[in-house]
Amino acid sequence: MDPRSPWSKPTLQTRISLLRNQLGTDPDGTLYLPRDHTGIDRLSPKVGCD
């Protein structure tokens, strides 16, 4: 992800899809990176990091 050479929209969609698959779902079956139809992808509030 280089701002001088941004990904094309298809590449970005592929990368987000791969990330979504790698993150998987929480115990309730909800995606940690839910599909968003507004154009903004956000991690679930259940995702944490240190």
PDB file of N, CA and C in Angstrom:
ATOM      1  N   MET A   1       0.845  -1.169   0.000  1.00  0.00           N
ATOM      2  CA  MET A   1       0.000   0.000   0.000  1.00  0.00           C
ATOM      3  C   MET A   1       0.893   1.236   0.000  1.00  0.00           C
ATOM      4  N   ASP A   2       1.152   1.698  -1.185  1.00  0.00           N
ATOM      5  CA  ASP A   2       2.016   2.855  -1.380  1.00  0.00           C
ATOM      6  C   ASP A   2       1.189   3.992  -1.964  1.00  0.00           C
ATOM      7  N   PRO A   3       1.085   5.124  -1.274  1.00  0.00           N
ATOM      8  CA  PRO A   3       0.266   6.224  -1.782  1.00  0.00           C
ATOM      9  C   PRO A   3       0.758   6.765  -3.130  1.00  0.00           C
ATOM     10  N   ARG A   4       2.018   6.508  -3.452  1.00  0.00           N
ATOM     11  CA  ARG A   4       2.539   6.949  -4.751  1.00  0.00           C
ATOM     12  C   ARG A   4       2.116   6.018  -5.874  1.00  0.00           C
ATOM     13  N   SER A   5       1.666   4.821  -5.509  1.00  0.00           N
ATOM     14  CA  SER A   5       1.245   3.829  -6.493  1.00  0.00           C
ATOM     15  C   SER A   5       0.045   3.055  -5.933  1.00  0.00           C
ATOM     16  N   PRO A   6      -1.116   3.712  -5.853  1.00  0.00           N
ATOM     17  CA  PRO A   6      -2.287   3.062  -5.236  1.00  0.00           C
ATOM     18  C   PRO A   6      -2.770   1.854  -6.040  1.00  0.00           C
ATOM     19  N   TRP A   7      -3.392   0.924  -5.313  1.00  0.00           N
ATOM     20  CA  TRP A   7      -3.953  -0.257  -5.953  1.00  0.00           C
ATOM     21  C   TRP A   7      -5.153   0.134  -6.802  1.00  0.00           C
ATOM     22  N   SER A   8      -5.381  -0.632  -7.852  1.00  0.00           N
ATOM     23  CA  SER A   8      -6.593  -0.445  -8.643  1.00  0.00           C
ATOM     24  C   SER A   8      -7.787  -0.944  -7.824  1.00  0.00           C
ATOM     25  N   LYS A   9      -8.973  -0.541  -8.199  1.00  0.00           N
ATOM     26  CA  LYS A   9     -10.171  -0.971  -7.464  1.00  0.00           C
ATOM     27  C   LYS A   9     -10.304  -2.499  -7.439  1.00  0.00           C
ATOM     28  N   PRO A  10     -10.104  -3.204  -8.572  1.00  0.00           N
ATOM     29  CA  PRO A  10     -10.181  -4.674  -8.507  1.00  0.00           C
ATOM     30  C   PRO A  10      -9.142  -5.290  -7.572  1.00  0.00           C
ATOM     31  N   THR A  11      -7.926  -4.742  -7.563  1.00  0.00           N
ATOM     32  CA  THR A  11      -6.885  -5.260  -6.667  1.00  0.00           C
ATOM     33  C   THR A  11      -7.279  -5.026  -5.216  1.00  0.00           C
ATOM     34  N   LEU A  12      -7.767  -3.837  -4.917  1.00  0.00           N
ATOM     35  CA  LEU A  12      -8.198  -3.527  -3.557  1.00  0.00           C
ATOM     36  C   LEU A  12      -9.315  -4.473  -3.115  1.00  0.00           C
ATOM     37  N   GLN A  13     -10.283  -4.709  -3.980  1.00  0.00           N
ATOM     38  CA  GLN A  13     -11.391  -5.608  -3.640  1.00  0.00           C
ATOM     39  C   GLN A  13     -10.890  -7.021  -3.385  1.00  0.00           C
ATOM     40  N   THR A  14      -9.927  -7.466  -4.180  1.00  0.00           N
ATOM     41  CA  THR A  14      -9.344  -8.798  -3.982  1.00  0.00           C
ATOM     42  C   THR A  14      -8.622  -8.874  -2.648  1.00  0.00           C
ATOM     43  N   ARG A  15      -7.829  -7.860  -2.327  1.00  0.00           N
ATOM     44  CA  ARG A  15      -7.078  -7.847  -1.068  1.00  0.00           C
ATOM     45  C   ARG A  15      -8.013  -7.823   0.142  1.00  0.00           C
ATOM     46  N   ILE A  16      -9.066  -7.030   0.071  1.00  0.00           N
ATOM     47  CA  ILE A  16     -10.039  -6.972   1.170  1.00  0.00           C
ATOM     48  C   ILE A  16     -10.720  -8.327   1.329  1.00  0.00           C
ATOM     49  N   SER A  17     -11.066  -8.952   0.221  1.00  0.00           N
ATOM     50  CA  SER A  17     -11.699 -10.271   0.278  1.00  0.00           C
ATOM     51  C   SER A  17     -10.768 -11.303   0.915  1.00  0.00           C
ATOM     52  N   LEU A  18      -9.498 -11.282   0.529  1.00  0.00           N
ATOM     53  CA  LEU A  18      -8.530 -12.207   1.120  1.00  0.00           C
ATOM     54  C   LEU A  18      -8.378 -11.957   2.621  1.00  0.00           C
ATOM     55  N   LEU A  19      -8.304 -10.684   3.007  1.00  0.00           N
ATOM     56  CA  LEU A  19      -8.202 -10.346   4.423  1.00  0.00           C
ATOM     57  C   LEU A  19      -9.437 -10.798   5.183  1.00  0.00           C
ATOM     58  N   ARG A  20     -10.610 -10.581   4.605  1.00  0.00           N
ATOM     59  CA  ARG A  20     -11.864 -11.003   5.234  1.00  0.00           C
ATOM     60  C   ARG A  20     -11.852 -12.512   5.474  1.00  0.00           C
ATOM     61  N   ASN A  21     -11.396 -13.266   4.488  1.00  0.00           N
ATOM     62  CA  ASN A  21     -11.330 -14.724   4.630  1.00  0.00           C
ATOM     63  C   ASN A  21     -10.318 -15.148   5.681  1.00  0.00           C
ATOM     64  N   GLN A  22      -9.184 -14.448   5.746  1.00  0.00           N
ATOM     65  CA  GLN A  22      -8.160 -14.798   6.727  1.00  0.00           C
ATOM     66  C   GLN A  22      -8.594 -14.472   8.147  1.00  0.00           C
ATOM     67  N   LEU A  23      -9.301 -13.374   8.326  1.00  0.00           N
ATOM     68  CA  LEU A  23      -9.760 -13.006   9.665  1.00  0.00           C
ATOM     69  C   LEU A  23     -10.873 -13.919  10.152  1.00  0.00           C
ATOM     70  N   GLY A  24     -11.725 -14.347   9.247  1.00  0.00           N
ATOM     71  CA  GLY A  24     -12.794 -15.281   9.611  1.00  0.00           C
ATOM     72  C   GLY A  24     -13.926 -14.633  10.384  1.00  0.00           C
ATOM     73  N   THR A  25     -14.528 -15.424  11.269  1.00  0.00           N
ATOM     74  CA  THR A  25     -15.710 -14.982  11.999  1.00  0.00           C
ATOM     75  C   THR A  25     -15.514 -15.139  13.505  1.00  0.00           C
ATOM     76  N   ASP A  26     -16.324 -14.386  14.245  1.00  0.00           N
ATOM     77  CA  ASP A  26     -16.314 -14.520  15.695  1.00  0.00           C
ATOM     78  C   ASP A  26     -17.129 -15.755  16.080  1.00  0.00           C
ATOM     79  N   PRO A  27     -17.178 -16.113  17.355  1.00  0.00           N
ATOM     80  CA  PRO A  27     -17.920 -17.310  17.771  1.00  0.00           C
ATOM     81  C   PRO A  27     -19.411 -17.284  17.387  1.00  0.00           C
ATOM     82  N   ASP A  28     -19.965 -16.094  17.184  1.00  0.00           N
ATOM     83  CA  ASP A  28     -21.369 -15.992  16.783  1.00  0.00           C
ATOM     84  C   ASP A  28     -21.553 -16.154  15.277  1.00  0.00           C
ATOM     85  N   GLY A  29     -20.450 -16.234  14.520  1.00  0.00           N
ATOM     86  CA  GLY A  29     -20.531 -16.379  13.076  1.00  0.00           C
ATOM     87  C   GLY A  29     -20.516 -15.059  12.319  1.00  0.00           C
ATOM     88  N   THR A  30     -20.293 -13.952  13.028  1.00  0.00           N
ATOM     89  CA  THR A  30     -20.235 -12.637  12.394  1.00  0.00           C
ATOM     90  C   THR A  30     -18.825 -12.387  11.879  1.00  0.00           C
ATOM     91  N   LEU A  31     -18.715 -11.890  10.654  1.00  0.00           N
ATOM     92  CA  LEU A  31     -17.407 -11.608  10.075  1.00  0.00           C
ATOM     93  C   LEU A  31     -16.663 -10.546  10.879  1.00  0.00           C
ATOM     94  N   TYR A  32     -15.347 -10.757  11.062  1.00  0.00           N
ATOM     95  CA  TYR A  32     -14.529  -9.752  11.733  1.00  0.00           C
ATOM     96  C   TYR A  32     -14.299  -8.535  10.831  1.00  0.00           C
ATOM     97  N   LEU A  33     -14.407  -8.733   9.529  1.00  0.00           N
ATOM     98  CA  LEU A  33     -14.356  -7.631   8.572  1.00  0.00           C
ATOM     99  C   LEU A  33     -15.622  -7.745   7.726  1.00  0.00           C
ATOM    100  N   PRO A  34     -16.725  -7.197   8.239  1.00  0.00           N
ATOM    101  CA  PRO A  34     -18.008  -7.367   7.556  1.00  0.00           C
ATOM    102  C   PRO A  34     -18.030  -6.708   6.188  1.00  0.00           C
ATOM    103  N   ARG A  35     -18.861  -7.265   5.317  1.00  0.00           N
ATOM    104  CA  ARG A  35     -19.070  -6.650   3.999  1.00  0.00           C
ATOM    105  C   ARG A  35     -19.820  -5.344   4.193  1.00  0.00           C
ATOM    106  N   ASP A  36     -19.374  -4.330   3.495  1.00  0.00           N
ATOM    107  CA  ASP A  36     -19.975  -3.013   3.644  1.00  0.00           C
ATOM    108  C   ASP A  36     -20.360  -2.484   2.266  1.00  0.00           C
ATOM    109  N   HIS A  37     -21.582  -2.057   2.126  1.00  0.00           N
ATOM    110  CA  HIS A  37     -22.060  -1.593   0.822  1.00  0.00           C
ATOM    111  C   HIS A  37     -22.019  -0.075   0.702  1.00  0.00           C
ATOM    112  N   THR A  38     -21.416   0.595   1.686  1.00  0.00           N
ATOM    113  CA  THR A  38     -21.295   2.047   1.610  1.00  0.00           C
ATOM    114  C   THR A  38     -19.934   2.462   1.054  1.00  0.00           C
ATOM    115  N   GLY A  39     -19.047   1.491   0.862  1.00  0.00           N
ATOM    116  CA  GLY A  39     -17.719   1.798   0.349  1.00  0.00           C
ATOM    117  C   GLY A  39     -16.670   1.984   1.427  1.00  0.00           C
ATOM    118  N   ILE A  40     -17.057   1.798   2.685  1.00  0.00           N
ATOM    119  CA  ILE A  40     -16.113   1.934   3.793  1.00  0.00           C
ATOM    120  C   ILE A  40     -16.021   0.592   4.508  1.00  0.00           C
ATOM    121  N   ASP A  41     -14.812   0.036   4.554  1.00  0.00           N
ATOM    122  CA  ASP A  41     -14.601  -1.229   5.251  1.00  0.00           C
ATOM    123  C   ASP A  41     -14.047  -0.943   6.632  1.00  0.00           C
ATOM    124  N   ARG A  42     -14.676  -1.533   7.653  1.00  0.00           N
ATOM    125  CA  ARG A  42     -14.247  -1.340   9.035  1.00  0.00           C
ATOM    126  C   ARG A  42     -14.218  -2.683   9.742  1.00  0.00           C
ATOM    127  N   LEU A  43     -13.214  -2.852  10.561  1.00  0.00           N
ATOM    128  CA  LEU A  43     -13.140  -4.058  11.374  1.00  0.00           C
ATOM    129  C   LEU A  43     -14.264  -4.049  12.408  1.00  0.00           C
ATOM    130  N   SER A  44     -14.694  -5.220  12.769  1.00  0.00           N
ATOM    131  CA  SER A  44     -15.694  -5.369  13.821  1.00  0.00           C
ATOM    132  C   SER A  44     -15.151  -4.770  15.113  1.00  0.00           C
ATOM    133  N   PRO A  45     -16.041  -4.215  15.947  1.00  0.00           N
ATOM    134  CA  PRO A  45     -15.578  -3.717  17.241  1.00  0.00           C
ATOM    135  C   PRO A  45     -15.048  -4.837  18.143  1.00  0.00           C
ATOM    136  N   LYS A  46     -15.299  -6.087  17.762  1.00  0.00           N
ATOM    137  CA  LYS A  46     -14.802  -7.221  18.537  1.00  0.00           C
ATOM    138  C   LYS A  46     -13.328  -7.497  18.263  1.00  0.00           C
ATOM    139  N   VAL A  47     -12.747  -6.817  17.256  1.00  0.00           N
ATOM    140  CA  VAL A  47     -11.345  -7.003  16.929  1.00  0.00           C
ATOM    141  C   VAL A  47     -10.529  -6.057  17.796  1.00  0.00           C
ATOM    142  N   GLY A  48      -9.512  -6.598  18.418  1.00  0.00           N
ATOM    143  CA  GLY A  48      -8.638  -5.786  19.248  1.00  0.00           C
ATOM    144  C   GLY A  48      -7.192  -6.045  18.888  1.00  0.00           C
ATOM    145  N   CYS A  49      -6.343  -5.155  19.299  1.00  0.00           N
ATOM    146  CA  CYS A  49      -4.912  -5.343  19.089  1.00  0.00           C
ATOM    147  C   CYS A  49      -4.159  -4.648  20.217  1.00  0.00           C
ATOM    148  N   ASP A  50      -2.907  -4.995  20.346  1.00  0.00           N
ATOM    149  CA  ASP A  50      -2.103  -4.354  21.375  1.00  0.00           C
ATOM    150  C   ASP A  50      -0.950  -3.602  20.766  1.00  0.00           C
TER     151      ASP A  50
END
